[in-house]
Every structure is written in C-alpha cells, then in structure tokens.
PDB file of all heavy atoms in Angstrom:
ATOM      1  N   VAL A   1     -25.239 -24.413   9.571  1.00  0.00           N
ATOM      2  CA  VAL A   1     -25.599 -24.858   8.210  1.00  0.00           C
ATOM      3  C   VAL A   1     -26.018 -23.648   7.351  1.00  0.00           C
ATOM      4  O   VAL A   1     -25.620 -23.530   6.189  1.00  0.00           O
ATOM      5  CB  VAL A   1     -26.709 -25.913   8.246  1.00  0.00           C
ATOM      6  CG1 VAL A   1     -27.215 -26.225   6.846  1.00  0.00           C
ATOM      7  CG2 VAL A   1     -26.177 -27.202   8.898  1.00  0.00           C
ATOM      8  N   GLN A   2     -26.820 -22.749   7.941  1.00  0.00           N
ATOM      9  CA  GLN A   2     -27.276 -21.571   7.200  1.00  0.00           C
ATOM     10  C   GLN A   2     -26.092 -20.681   6.824  1.00  0.00           C
ATOM     11  O   GLN A   2     -26.032 -20.152   5.701  1.00  0.00           O
ATOM     12  CB  GLN A   2     -28.281 -20.782   8.050  1.00  0.00           C
ATOM     13  CG  GLN A   2     -29.618 -21.465   8.181  1.00  0.00           C
ATOM     14  CD  GLN A   2     -30.577 -20.644   9.043  1.00  0.00           C
ATOM     15  OE1 GLN A   2     -30.143 -19.795   9.810  1.00  0.00           O
ATOM     16  NE2 GLN A   2     -31.854 -20.907   8.933  1.00  0.00           N
ATOM     17  N   THR A   3     -25.162 -20.531   7.772  1.00  0.00           N
ATOM     18  CA  THR A   3     -23.980 -19.701   7.468  1.00  0.00           C
ATOM     19  C   THR A   3     -23.146 -20.326   6.349  1.00  0.00           C
ATOM     20  O   THR A   3     -22.675 -19.640   5.427  1.00  0.00           O
ATOM     21  CB  THR A   3     -23.109 -19.545   8.730  1.00  0.00           C
ATOM     22  OG1 THR A   3     -23.864 -18.907   9.758  1.00  0.00           O
ATOM     23  CG2 THR A   3     -21.878 -18.714   8.457  1.00  0.00           C
ATOM     24  N   ALA A   4     -22.970 -21.642   6.435  1.00  0.00           N
ATOM     25  CA  ALA A   4     -22.199 -22.319   5.375  1.00  0.00           C
ATOM     26  C   ALA A   4     -22.873 -22.208   4.029  1.00  0.00           C
ATOM     27  O   ALA A   4     -22.210 -21.984   3.021  1.00  0.00           O
ATOM     28  CB  ALA A   4     -22.035 -23.805   5.760  1.00  0.00           C
ATOM     29  N   ALA A   5     -24.191 -22.332   4.023  1.00  0.00           N
ATOM     30  CA  ALA A   5     -24.952 -22.191   2.762  1.00  0.00           C
ATOM     31  C   ALA A   5     -24.811 -20.802   2.186  1.00  0.00           C
ATOM     32  O   ALA A   5     -24.659 -20.618   0.975  1.00  0.00           O
ATOM     33  CB  ALA A   5     -26.428 -22.544   3.000  1.00  0.00           C
ATOM     34  N   ALA A   6     -24.870 -19.788   3.069  1.00  0.00           N
ATOM     35  CA  ALA A   6     -24.710 -18.410   2.608  1.00  0.00           C
ATOM     36  C   ALA A   6     -23.324 -18.168   2.034  1.00  0.00           C
ATOM     37  O   ALA A   6     -23.135 -17.493   1.012  1.00  0.00           O
ATOM     38  CB  ALA A   6     -24.998 -17.439   3.749  1.00  0.00           C
ATOM     39  N   ASP A   7     -22.303 -18.754   2.686  1.00  0.00           N
ATOM     40  CA  ASP A   7     -20.949 -18.600   2.215  1.00  0.00           C
ATOM     41  C   ASP A   7     -20.776 -19.301   0.868  1.00  0.00           C
ATOM     42  O   ASP A   7     -20.115 -18.777  -0.049  1.00  0.00           O
ATOM     43  CB  ASP A   7     -19.961 -19.207   3.233  1.00  0.00           C
ATOM     44  CG  ASP A   7     -19.824 -18.377   4.476  1.00  0.00           C
ATOM     45  OD1 ASP A   7     -20.207 -17.188   4.451  1.00  0.00           O
ATOM     46  OD2 ASP A   7     -19.400 -18.922   5.505  1.00  0.00           O
ATOM     47  N   GLN A   8     -21.387 -20.466   0.702  1.00  0.00           N
ATOM     48  CA  GLN A   8     -21.306 -21.209  -0.557  1.00  0.00           C
ATOM     49  C   GLN A   8     -21.981 -20.422  -1.677  1.00  0.00           C
ATOM     50  O   GLN A   8     -21.509 -20.362  -2.814  1.00  0.00           O
ATOM     51  CB  GLN A   8     -21.901 -22.584  -0.399  1.00  0.00           C
ATOM     52  CG  GLN A   8     -21.067 -23.548   0.439  1.00  0.00           C
ATOM     53  CD  GLN A   8     -21.718 -24.878   0.639  1.00  0.00           C
ATOM     54  OE1 GLN A   8     -22.939 -25.029   0.521  1.00  0.00           O
ATOM     55  NE2 GLN A   8     -20.931 -25.908   0.931  1.00  0.00           N
ATOM     56  N   PHE A   9     -23.156 -19.837  -1.368  1.00  0.00           N
ATOM     57  CA  PHE A   9     -23.873 -19.052  -2.364  1.00  0.00           C
ATOM     58  C   PHE A   9     -23.054 -17.869  -2.808  1.00  0.00           C
ATOM     59  O   PHE A   9     -22.939 -17.552  -3.987  1.00  0.00           O
ATOM     60  CB  PHE A   9     -25.226 -18.612  -1.825  1.00  0.00           C
ATOM     61  CG  PHE A   9     -26.037 -17.812  -2.791  1.00  0.00           C
ATOM     62  CD1 PHE A   9     -26.787 -18.461  -3.770  1.00  0.00           C
ATOM     63  CD2 PHE A   9     -26.027 -16.432  -2.796  1.00  0.00           C
ATOM     64  CE1 PHE A   9     -27.529 -17.745  -4.691  1.00  0.00           C
ATOM     65  CE2 PHE A   9     -26.763 -15.721  -3.706  1.00  0.00           C
ATOM     66  CZ  PHE A   9     -27.513 -16.365  -4.679  1.00  0.00           C
ATOM     67  N   THR A  10     -22.430 -17.194  -1.828  1.00  0.00           N
ATOM     68  CA  THR A  10     -21.600 -16.025  -2.137  1.00  0.00           C
ATOM     69  C   THR A  10     -20.446 -16.439  -3.042  1.00  0.00           C
ATOM     70  O   THR A  10     -20.149 -15.763  -4.039  1.00  0.00           O
ATOM     71  CB  THR A  10     -21.036 -15.414  -0.845  1.00  0.00           C
ATOM     72  OG1 THR A  10     -22.136 -14.954  -0.039  1.00  0.00           O
ATOM     73  CG2 THR A  10     -20.127 -14.224  -1.137  1.00  0.00           C
ATOM     74  N   ALA A  11     -19.785 -17.564  -2.712  1.00  0.00           N
ATOM     75  CA  ALA A  11     -18.667 -18.034  -3.526  1.00  0.00           C
ATOM     76  C   ALA A  11     -19.110 -18.392  -4.934  1.00  0.00           C
ATOM     77  O   ALA A  11     -18.339 -18.241  -5.882  1.00  0.00           O
ATOM     78  CB  ALA A  11     -18.010 -19.244  -2.840  1.00  0.00           C
ATOM     79  N   ALA A  12     -20.352 -18.878  -5.080  1.00  0.00           N
ATOM     80  CA  ALA A  12     -20.843 -19.279  -6.402  1.00  0.00           C
ATOM     81  C   ALA A  12     -21.161 -18.062  -7.266  1.00  0.00           C
ATOM     82  O   ALA A  12     -20.901 -18.056  -8.470  1.00  0.00           O
ATOM     83  CB  ALA A  12     -22.084 -20.146  -6.248  1.00  0.00           C
ATOM     84  N   VAL A  13     -21.726 -17.014  -6.658  1.00  0.00           N
ATOM     85  CA  VAL A  13     -22.196 -15.865  -7.425  1.00  0.00           C
ATOM     86  C   VAL A  13     -21.091 -14.837  -7.643  1.00  0.00           C
ATOM     87  O   VAL A  13     -21.107 -14.104  -8.632  1.00  0.00           O
ATOM     88  CB  VAL A  13     -23.398 -15.215  -6.720  1.00  0.00           C
ATOM     89  CG1 VAL A  13     -23.877 -13.953  -7.462  1.00  0.00           C
ATOM     90  CG2 VAL A  13     -24.554 -16.200  -6.644  1.00  0.00           C
ATOM     91  N   LEU A  14     -20.139 -14.793  -6.726  1.00  0.00           N
ATOM     92  CA  LEU A  14     -19.092 -13.759  -6.809  1.00  0.00           C
ATOM     93  C   LEU A  14     -18.378 -13.686  -8.146  1.00  0.00           C
ATOM     94  O   LEU A  14     -18.130 -12.586  -8.653  1.00  0.00           O
ATOM     95  CB  LEU A  14     -18.110 -13.952  -5.648  1.00  0.00           C
ATOM     96  CG  LEU A  14     -17.257 -12.722  -5.312  1.00  0.00           C
ATOM     97  CD1 LEU A  14     -18.149 -11.546  -4.933  1.00  0.00           C
ATOM     98  CD2 LEU A  14     -16.289 -13.041  -4.189  1.00  0.00           C
ATOM     99  N   PRO A  15     -17.983 -14.835  -8.765  1.00  0.00           N
ATOM    100  CA  PRO A  15     -17.323 -14.732 -10.070  1.00  0.00           C
ATOM    101  C   PRO A  15     -18.218 -14.082 -11.132  1.00  0.00           C
ATOM    102  O   PRO A  15     -17.725 -13.412 -12.027  1.00  0.00           O
ATOM    103  CB  PRO A  15     -17.036 -16.204 -10.421  1.00  0.00           C
ATOM    104  CG  PRO A  15     -16.967 -16.896  -9.112  1.00  0.00           C
ATOM    105  CD  PRO A  15     -18.009 -16.218  -8.276  1.00  0.00           C
ATOM    106  N   VAL A  16     -19.537 -14.290 -11.034  1.00  0.00           N
ATOM    107  CA  VAL A  16     -20.454 -13.665 -11.967  1.00  0.00           C
ATOM    108  C   VAL A  16     -20.460 -12.162 -11.756  1.00  0.00           C
ATOM    109  O   VAL A  16     -20.455 -11.352 -12.705  1.00  0.00           O
ATOM    110  CB  VAL A  16     -21.868 -14.251 -11.796  1.00  0.00           C
ATOM    111  CG1 VAL A  16     -22.797 -13.633 -12.850  1.00  0.00           C
ATOM    112  CG2 VAL A  16     -21.843 -15.760 -11.950  1.00  0.00           C
ATOM    113  N   VAL A  17     -20.509 -11.751 -10.482  1.00  0.00           N
ATOM    114  CA  VAL A  17     -20.490 -10.327 -10.150  1.00  0.00           C
ATOM    115  C   VAL A  17     -19.197  -9.679 -10.633  1.00  0.00           C
ATOM    116  O   VAL A  17     -19.199  -8.562 -11.162  1.00  0.00           O
ATOM    117  CB  VAL A  17     -20.660 -10.131  -8.634  1.00  0.00           C
ATOM    118  CG1 VAL A  17     -20.463  -8.651  -8.242  1.00  0.00           C
ATOM    119  CG2 VAL A  17     -22.029 -10.586  -8.166  1.00  0.00           C
ATOM    120  N   GLN A  18     -18.081 -10.404 -10.446  1.00  0.00           N
ATOM    121  CA  GLN A  18     -16.806  -9.851 -10.912  1.00  0.00           C
ATOM    122  C   GLN A  18     -16.804  -9.702 -12.418  1.00  0.00           C
ATOM    123  O   GLN A  18     -16.244  -8.707 -12.946  1.00  0.00           O
ATOM    124  CB  GLN A  18     -15.659 -10.791 -10.466  1.00  0.00           C
ATOM    125  CG  GLN A  18     -14.274 -10.212 -10.709  1.00  0.00           C
ATOM    126  CD  GLN A  18     -14.075  -8.893  -9.975  1.00  0.00           C
ATOM    127  OE1 GLN A  18     -14.333  -8.762  -8.788  1.00  0.00           O
ATOM    128  NE2 GLN A  18     -13.621  -7.879 -10.705  1.00  0.00           N
ATOM    129  N   SER A  19     -17.387 -10.635 -13.106  1.00  0.00           N
ATOM    130  CA  SER A  19     -17.491 -10.528 -14.586  1.00  0.00           C
ATOM    131  C   SER A  19     -18.310  -9.328 -14.969  1.00  0.00           C
ATOM    132  O   SER A  19     -17.967  -8.609 -15.927  1.00  0.00           O
ATOM    133  CB  SER A  19     -18.103 -11.810 -15.153  1.00  0.00           C
ATOM    134  OG  SER A  19     -18.316 -11.700 -16.532  1.00  0.00           O
ATOM    135  N   ILE A  20     -19.394  -9.069 -14.229  1.00  0.00           N
ATOM    136  CA  ILE A  20     -20.241  -7.906 -14.511  1.00  0.00           C
ATOM    137  C   ILE A  20     -19.458  -6.631 -14.254  1.00  0.00           C
ATOM    138  O   ILE A  20     -19.503  -5.676 -15.048  1.00  0.00           O
ATOM    139  CB  ILE A  20     -21.489  -7.966 -13.627  1.00  0.00           C
ATOM    140  CG1 ILE A  20     -22.390  -9.131 -14.082  1.00  0.00           C
ATOM    141  CG2 ILE A  20     -22.252  -6.622 -13.694  1.00  0.00           C
ATOM    142  CD1 ILE A  20     -23.562  -9.364 -13.158  1.00  0.00           C
ATOM    143  N   ARG A  21     -18.697  -6.588 -13.173  1.00  0.00           N
ATOM    144  CA  ARG A  21     -17.887  -5.414 -12.871  1.00  0.00           C
ATOM    145  C   ARG A  21     -16.842  -5.162 -13.959  1.00  0.00           C
ATOM    146  O   ARG A  21     -16.605  -4.005 -14.350  1.00  0.00           O
ATOM    147  CB  ARG A  21     -17.167  -5.617 -11.521  1.00  0.00           C
ATOM    148  CG  ARG A  21     -18.063  -5.362 -10.309  1.00  0.00           C
ATOM    149  CD  ARG A  21     -17.309  -5.694  -9.048  1.00  0.00           C
ATOM    150  NE  ARG A  21     -17.776  -4.976  -7.894  1.00  0.00           N
ATOM    151  CZ  ARG A  21     -17.340  -5.159  -6.652  1.00  0.00           C
ATOM    152  NH1 ARG A  21     -16.376  -6.047  -6.438  1.00  0.00           N
ATOM    153  NH2 ARG A  21     -17.802  -4.453  -5.650  1.00  0.00           N
ATOM    154  N   ASN A  22     -16.232  -6.245 -14.411  1.00  0.00           N
ATOM    155  CA  ASN A  22     -15.219  -6.108 -15.468  1.00  0.00           C
ATOM    156  C   ASN A  22     -15.766  -5.536 -16.749  1.00  0.00           C
ATOM    157  O   ASN A  22     -15.066  -4.922 -17.560  1.00  0.00           O
ATOM    158  CB  ASN A  22     -14.558  -7.457 -15.755  1.00  0.00           C
ATOM    159  CG  ASN A  22     -13.744  -7.935 -14.565  1.00  0.00           C
ATOM    160  OD1 ASN A  22     -13.334  -7.156 -13.705  1.00  0.00           O
ATOM    161  ND2 ASN A  22     -13.458  -9.234 -14.522  1.00  0.00           N
ATOM    162  N   SER A  23     -17.086  -5.725 -16.962  1.00  0.00           N
ATOM    163  CA  SER A  23     -17.714  -5.205 -18.170  1.00  0.00           C
ATOM    164  C   SER A  23     -18.077  -3.725 -18.031  1.00  0.00           C
ATOM    165  O   SER A  23     -18.544  -3.120 -18.999  1.00  0.00           O
ATOM    166  CB  SER A  23     -19.001  -5.999 -18.495  1.00  0.00           C
ATOM    167  OG  SER A  23     -19.985  -5.755 -17.498  1.00  0.00           O
ATOM    168  N   GLY A  24     -17.836  -3.154 -16.853  1.00  0.00           N
ATOM    169  CA  GLY A  24     -18.071  -1.719 -16.661  1.00  0.00           C
ATOM    170  C   GLY A  24     -19.213  -1.351 -15.736  1.00  0.00           C
ATOM    171  O   GLY A  24     -19.413  -0.183 -15.397  1.00  0.00           O
ATOM    172  N   ALA A  25     -20.019  -2.350 -15.346  1.00  0.00           N
ATOM    173  CA  ALA A  25     -21.131  -2.087 -14.421  1.00  0.00           C
ATOM    174  C   ALA A  25     -20.618  -2.235 -13.001  1.00  0.00           C
ATOM    175  O   ALA A  25     -20.470  -3.351 -12.484  1.00  0.00           O
ATOM    176  CB  ALA A  25     -22.258  -3.086 -14.684  1.00  0.00           C
ATOM    177  N   THR A  26     -20.361  -1.134 -12.308  1.00  0.00           N
ATOM    178  CA  THR A  26     -19.743  -1.158 -10.985  1.00  0.00           C
ATOM    179  C   THR A  26     -20.659  -0.728  -9.862  1.00  0.00           C
ATOM    180  O   THR A  26     -20.354  -1.051  -8.690  1.00  0.00           O
ATOM    181  CB  THR A  26     -18.480  -0.285 -10.986  1.00  0.00           C
ATOM    182  OG1 THR A  26     -18.817   1.070 -11.348  1.00  0.00           O
ATOM    183  CG2 THR A  26     -17.436  -0.828 -11.966  1.00  0.00           C
ATOM    184  N   SER A  27     -21.702   0.012 -10.134  1.00  0.00           N
ATOM    185  CA  SER A  27     -22.579   0.460  -9.065  1.00  0.00           C
ATOM    186  C   SER A  27     -23.499  -0.700  -8.648  1.00  0.00           C
ATOM    187  O   SER A  27     -23.716  -1.666  -9.369  1.00  0.00           O
ATOM    188  CB  SER A  27     -23.456   1.639  -9.525  1.00  0.00           C
ATOM    189  OG  SER A  27     -24.394   1.217 -10.515  1.00  0.00           O
ATOM    190  N   LEU A  28     -24.058  -0.595  -7.416  1.00  0.00           N
ATOM    191  CA  LEU A  28     -24.965  -1.613  -6.943  1.00  0.00           C
ATOM    192  C   LEU A  28     -26.163  -1.774  -7.854  1.00  0.00           C
ATOM    193  O   LEU A  28     -26.600  -2.897  -8.125  1.00  0.00           O
ATOM    194  CB  LEU A  28     -25.428  -1.270  -5.512  1.00  0.00           C
ATOM    195  CG  LEU A  28     -24.390  -1.347  -4.402  1.00  0.00           C
ATOM    196  CD1 LEU A  28     -24.985  -0.924  -3.087  1.00  0.00           C
ATOM    197  CD2 LEU A  28     -23.794  -2.755  -4.291  1.00  0.00           C
ATOM    198  N   GLU A  29     -26.696  -0.643  -8.320  1.00  0.00           N
ATOM    199  CA  GLU A  29     -27.860  -0.694  -9.188  1.00  0.00           C
ATOM    200  C   GLU A  29     -27.542  -1.388 -10.522  1.00  0.00           C
ATOM    201  O   GLU A  29     -28.315  -2.193 -11.021  1.00  0.00           O
ATOM    202  CB  GLU A  29     -28.398   0.735  -9.463  1.00  0.00           C
ATOM    203  CG  GLU A  29     -29.026   1.390  -8.256  1.00  0.00           C
ATOM    204  CD  GLU A  29     -28.001   1.882  -7.214  1.00  0.00           C
ATOM    205  OE1 GLU A  29     -26.799   1.915  -7.566  1.00  0.00           O
ATOM    206  OE2 GLU A  29     -28.407   2.207  -6.099  1.00  0.00           O
ATOM    207  N   ALA A  30     -26.369  -1.069 -11.076  1.00  0.00           N
ATOM    208  CA  ALA A  30     -25.994  -1.644 -12.371  1.00  0.00           C
ATOM    209  C   ALA A  30     -25.745  -3.141 -12.222  1.00  0.00           C
ATOM    210  O   ALA A  30     -26.135  -3.966 -13.091  1.00  0.00           O
ATOM    211  CB  ALA A  30     -24.719  -0.968 -12.907  1.00  0.00           C
ATOM    212  N   ILE A  31     -25.090  -3.551 -11.115  1.00  0.00           N
ATOM    213  CA  ILE A  31     -24.870  -4.989 -10.901  1.00  0.00           C
ATOM    214  C   ILE A  31     -26.209  -5.708 -10.692  1.00  0.00           C
ATOM    215  O   ILE A  31     -26.402  -6.812 -11.215  1.00  0.00           O
ATOM    216  CB  ILE A  31     -23.960  -5.180  -9.660  1.00  0.00           C
ATOM    217  CG1 ILE A  31     -22.586  -4.597  -9.928  1.00  0.00           C
ATOM    218  CG2 ILE A  31     -23.857  -6.660  -9.318  1.00  0.00           C
ATOM    219  CD1 ILE A  31     -21.654  -4.584  -8.729  1.00  0.00           C
ATOM    220  N   THR A  32     -27.119  -5.061  -9.969  1.00  0.00           N
ATOM    221  CA  THR A  32     -28.439  -5.672  -9.737  1.00  0.00           C
ATOM    222  C   THR A  32     -29.171  -5.914 -11.057  1.00  0.00           C
ATOM    223  O   THR A  32     -29.706  -6.993 -11.300  1.00  0.00           O
ATOM    224  CB  THR A  32     -29.292  -4.753  -8.860  1.00  0.00           C
ATOM    225  OG1 THR A  32     -28.646  -4.539  -7.599  1.00  0.00           O
ATOM    226  CG2 THR A  32     -30.670  -5.365  -8.596  1.00  0.00           C
ATOM    227  N   VAL A  33     -29.147  -4.914 -11.926  1.00  0.00           N
ATOM    228  CA  VAL A  33     -29.835  -5.047 -13.242  1.00  0.00           C
ATOM    229  C   VAL A  33     -29.183  -6.154 -14.053  1.00  0.00           C
ATOM    230  O   VAL A  33     -29.873  -6.969 -14.664  1.00  0.00           O
ATOM    231  CB  VAL A  33     -29.771  -3.711 -13.995  1.00  0.00           C
ATOM    232  CG1 VAL A  33     -30.230  -3.890 -15.442  1.00  0.00           C
ATOM    233  CG2 VAL A  33     -30.607  -2.644 -13.290  1.00  0.00           C
ATOM    234  N   ALA A  34     -27.863  -6.224 -14.043  1.00  0.00           N
ATOM    235  CA  ALA A  34     -27.145  -7.217 -14.820  1.00  0.00           C
ATOM    236  C   ALA A  34     -27.441  -8.644 -14.317  1.00  0.00           C
ATOM    237  O   ALA A  34     -27.664  -9.570 -15.129  1.00  0.00           O
ATOM    238  CB  ALA A  34     -25.650  -6.956 -14.795  1.00  0.00           C
ATOM    239  N   LEU A  35     -27.481  -8.815 -13.007  1.00  0.00           N
ATOM    240  CA  LEU A  35     -27.798 -10.131 -12.478  1.00  0.00           C
ATOM    241  C   LEU A  35     -29.200 -10.594 -12.852  1.00  0.00           C
ATOM    242  O   LEU A  35     -29.413 -11.746 -13.237  1.00  0.00           O
ATOM    243  CB  LEU A  35     -27.681 -10.104 -10.942  1.00  0.00           C
ATOM    244  CG  LEU A  35     -26.262 -10.109 -10.337  1.00  0.00           C
ATOM    245  CD1 LEU A  35     -26.314  -9.833  -8.858  1.00  0.00           C
ATOM    246  CD2 LEU A  35     -25.543 -11.431 -10.630  1.00  0.00           C
ATOM    247  N   ASN A  36     -30.138  -9.692 -12.776  1.00  0.00           N
ATOM    248  CA  ASN A  36     -31.528 -10.033 -13.178  1.00  0.00           C
ATOM    249  C   ASN A  36     -31.637 -10.290 -14.657  1.00  0.00           C
ATOM    250  O   ASN A  36     -32.359 -11.187 -15.107  1.00  0.00           O
ATOM    251  CB  ASN A  36     -32.464  -8.903 -12.724  1.00  0.00           C
ATOM    252  CG  ASN A  36     -32.674  -8.832 -11.235  1.00  0.00           C
ATOM    253  OD1 ASN A  36     -32.664  -9.883 -10.558  1.00  0.00           O
ATOM    254  ND2 ASN A  36     -32.843  -7.656 -10.683  1.00  0.00           N
ATOM    255  N   GLN A  37     -30.902  -9.516 -15.480  1.00  0.00           N
ATOM    256  CA  GLN A  37     -30.936  -9.755 -16.908  1.00  0.00           C
ATOM    257  C   GLN A  37     -30.348 -11.083 -17.283  1.00  0.00           C
ATOM    258  O   GLN A  37     -30.781 -11.717 -18.261  1.00  0.00           O
ATOM    259  CB  GLN A  37     -30.211  -8.611 -17.638  1.00  0.00           C
ATOM    260  CG  GLN A  37     -30.934  -7.283 -17.640  1.00  0.00           C
ATOM    261  CD  GLN A  37     -30.147  -6.184 -18.322  1.00  0.00           C
ATOM    262  OE1 GLN A  37     -28.923  -6.284 -18.477  1.00  0.00           O
ATOM    263  NE2 GLN A  37     -30.841  -5.129 -18.742  1.00  0.00           N
ATOM    264  N   ARG A  38     -29.366 -11.530 -16.537  1.00  0.00           N
ATOM    265  CA  ARG A  38     -28.725 -12.814 -16.814  1.00  0.00           C
ATOM    266  C   ARG A  38     -29.533 -14.010 -16.293  1.00  0.00           C
ATOM    267  O   ARG A  38     -29.190 -15.158 -16.494  1.00  0.00           O
ATOM    268  CB  ARG A  38     -27.329 -12.857 -16.217  1.00  0.00           C
ATOM    269  CG  ARG A  38     -26.352 -11.881 -16.852  1.00  0.00           C
ATOM    270  CD  ARG A  38     -24.929 -12.125 -16.358  1.00  0.00           C
ATOM    271  NE  ARG A  38     -23.977 -11.202 -16.933  1.00  0.00           N
ATOM    272  CZ  ARG A  38     -22.687 -11.366 -16.927  1.00  0.00           C
ATOM    273  NH1 ARG A  38     -22.168 -12.476 -16.383  1.00  0.00           N
ATOM    274  NH2 ARG A  38     -21.875 -10.481 -17.457  1.00  0.00           N
ATOM    275  N   GLY A  39     -30.599 -13.701 -15.550  1.00  0.00           N
ATOM    276  CA  GLY A  39     -31.405 -14.770 -14.997  1.00  0.00           C
ATOM    277  C   GLY A  39     -30.855 -15.442 -13.737  1.00  0.00           C
ATOM    278  O   GLY A  39     -31.279 -16.522 -13.336  1.00  0.00           O
ATOM    279  N   ILE A  40     -29.831 -14.802 -13.146  1.00  0.00           N
ATOM    280  CA  ILE A  40     -29.254 -15.346 -11.903  1.00  0.00           C
ATOM    281  C   ILE A  40     -30.246 -15.068 -10.759  1.00  0.00           C
ATOM    282  O   ILE A  40     -30.695 -13.962 -10.563  1.00  0.00           O
ATOM    283  CB  ILE A  40     -27.934 -14.683 -11.593  1.00  0.00           C
ATOM    284  CG1 ILE A  40     -26.942 -14.823 -12.781  1.00  0.00           C
ATOM    285  CG2 ILE A  40     -27.307 -15.274 -10.341  1.00  0.00           C
ATOM    286  CD1 ILE A  40     -26.603 -16.230 -13.116  1.00  0.00           C
ATOM    287  N   ARG A  41     -30.534 -16.095  -9.987  1.00  0.00           N
ATOM    288  CA  ARG A  41     -31.472 -15.949  -8.884  1.00  0.00           C
ATOM    289  C   ARG A  41     -30.754 -15.575  -7.596  1.00  0.00           C
ATOM    290  O   ARG A  41     -29.601 -15.952  -7.409  1.00  0.00           O
ATOM    291  CB  ARG A  41     -32.262 -17.239  -8.682  1.00  0.00           C
ATOM    292  CG  ARG A  41     -33.084 -17.622  -9.908  1.00  0.00           C
ATOM    293  CD  ARG A  41     -34.071 -18.688  -9.583  1.00  0.00           C
ATOM    294  NE  ARG A  41     -34.859 -19.047 -10.757  1.00  0.00           N
ATOM    295  CZ  ARG A  41     -36.049 -19.624 -10.714  1.00  0.00           C
ATOM    296  NH1 ARG A  41     -36.604 -19.862  -9.521  1.00  0.00           N
ATOM    297  NH2 ARG A  41     -36.709 -19.931 -11.795  1.00  0.00           N
ATOM    298  N   SER A  42     -31.464 -14.851  -6.747  1.00  0.00           N
ATOM    299  CA  SER A  42     -30.923 -14.480  -5.464  1.00  0.00           C
ATOM    300  C   SER A  42     -30.873 -15.669  -4.543  1.00  0.00           C
ATOM    301  O   SER A  42     -31.379 -16.746  -4.875  1.00  0.00           O
ATOM    302  CB  SER A  42     -31.745 -13.338  -4.819  1.00  0.00           C
ATOM    303  OG  SER A  42     -33.022 -13.812  -4.454  1.00  0.00           O
ATOM    304  N   ALA A  43     -30.364 -15.502  -3.336  1.00  0.00           N
ATOM    305  CA  ALA A  43     -30.296 -16.596  -2.364  1.00  0.00           C
ATOM    306  C   ALA A  43     -31.675 -17.104  -1.989  1.00  0.00           C
ATOM    307  O   ALA A  43     -31.832 -18.273  -1.654  1.00  0.00           O
ATOM    308  CB  ALA A  43     -29.534 -16.138  -1.128  1.00  0.00           C
ATOM    309  N   ARG A  44     -32.687 -16.249  -2.084  1.00  0.00           N
ATOM    310  CA  ARG A  44     -34.063 -16.644  -1.781  1.00  0.00           C
ATOM    311  C   ARG A  44     -34.794 -17.184  -2.996  1.00  0.00           C
ATOM    312  O   ARG A  44     -35.983 -17.502  -2.925  1.00  0.00           O
ATOM    313  CB  ARG A  44     -34.820 -15.461  -1.166  1.00  0.00           C
ATOM    314  CG  ARG A  44     -34.255 -15.009   0.148  1.00  0.00           C
ATOM    315  CD  ARG A  44     -35.101 -13.837   0.720  1.00  0.00           C
ATOM    316  NE  ARG A  44     -34.586 -13.396   1.996  1.00  0.00           N
ATOM    317  CZ  ARG A  44     -34.914 -13.919   3.154  1.00  0.00           C
ATOM    318  NH1 ARG A  44     -35.771 -14.916   3.207  1.00  0.00           N
ATOM    319  NH2 ARG A  44     -34.384 -13.452   4.274  1.00  0.00           N
TER     320      ARG A  44
END
C-alpha cells in the first residue's frame, strides 16, 4: 500500500514538475523553490 501510494503521489506531482522544467527551472534547487512557491506539498 505504501509503495502504491508513493507511486500515485509521484504520478500526481510529476506533471507539475514537468511544467516547472518547461519554464526553465531545471536544477533540483530551482524545482524545489518553484514547488514551494506554488504551495505544492511534499509526500509528508
């Protein structure tokens, strides 16, 4: 169940990450900042 939940969370957030990358933010730090600025919460 935990693995399935992690996979579902990844599938849900990945399009948002891809959108961030398309805007030019490609480094881990830049993606992290963009996710927090958008109010997207982590798996925890």
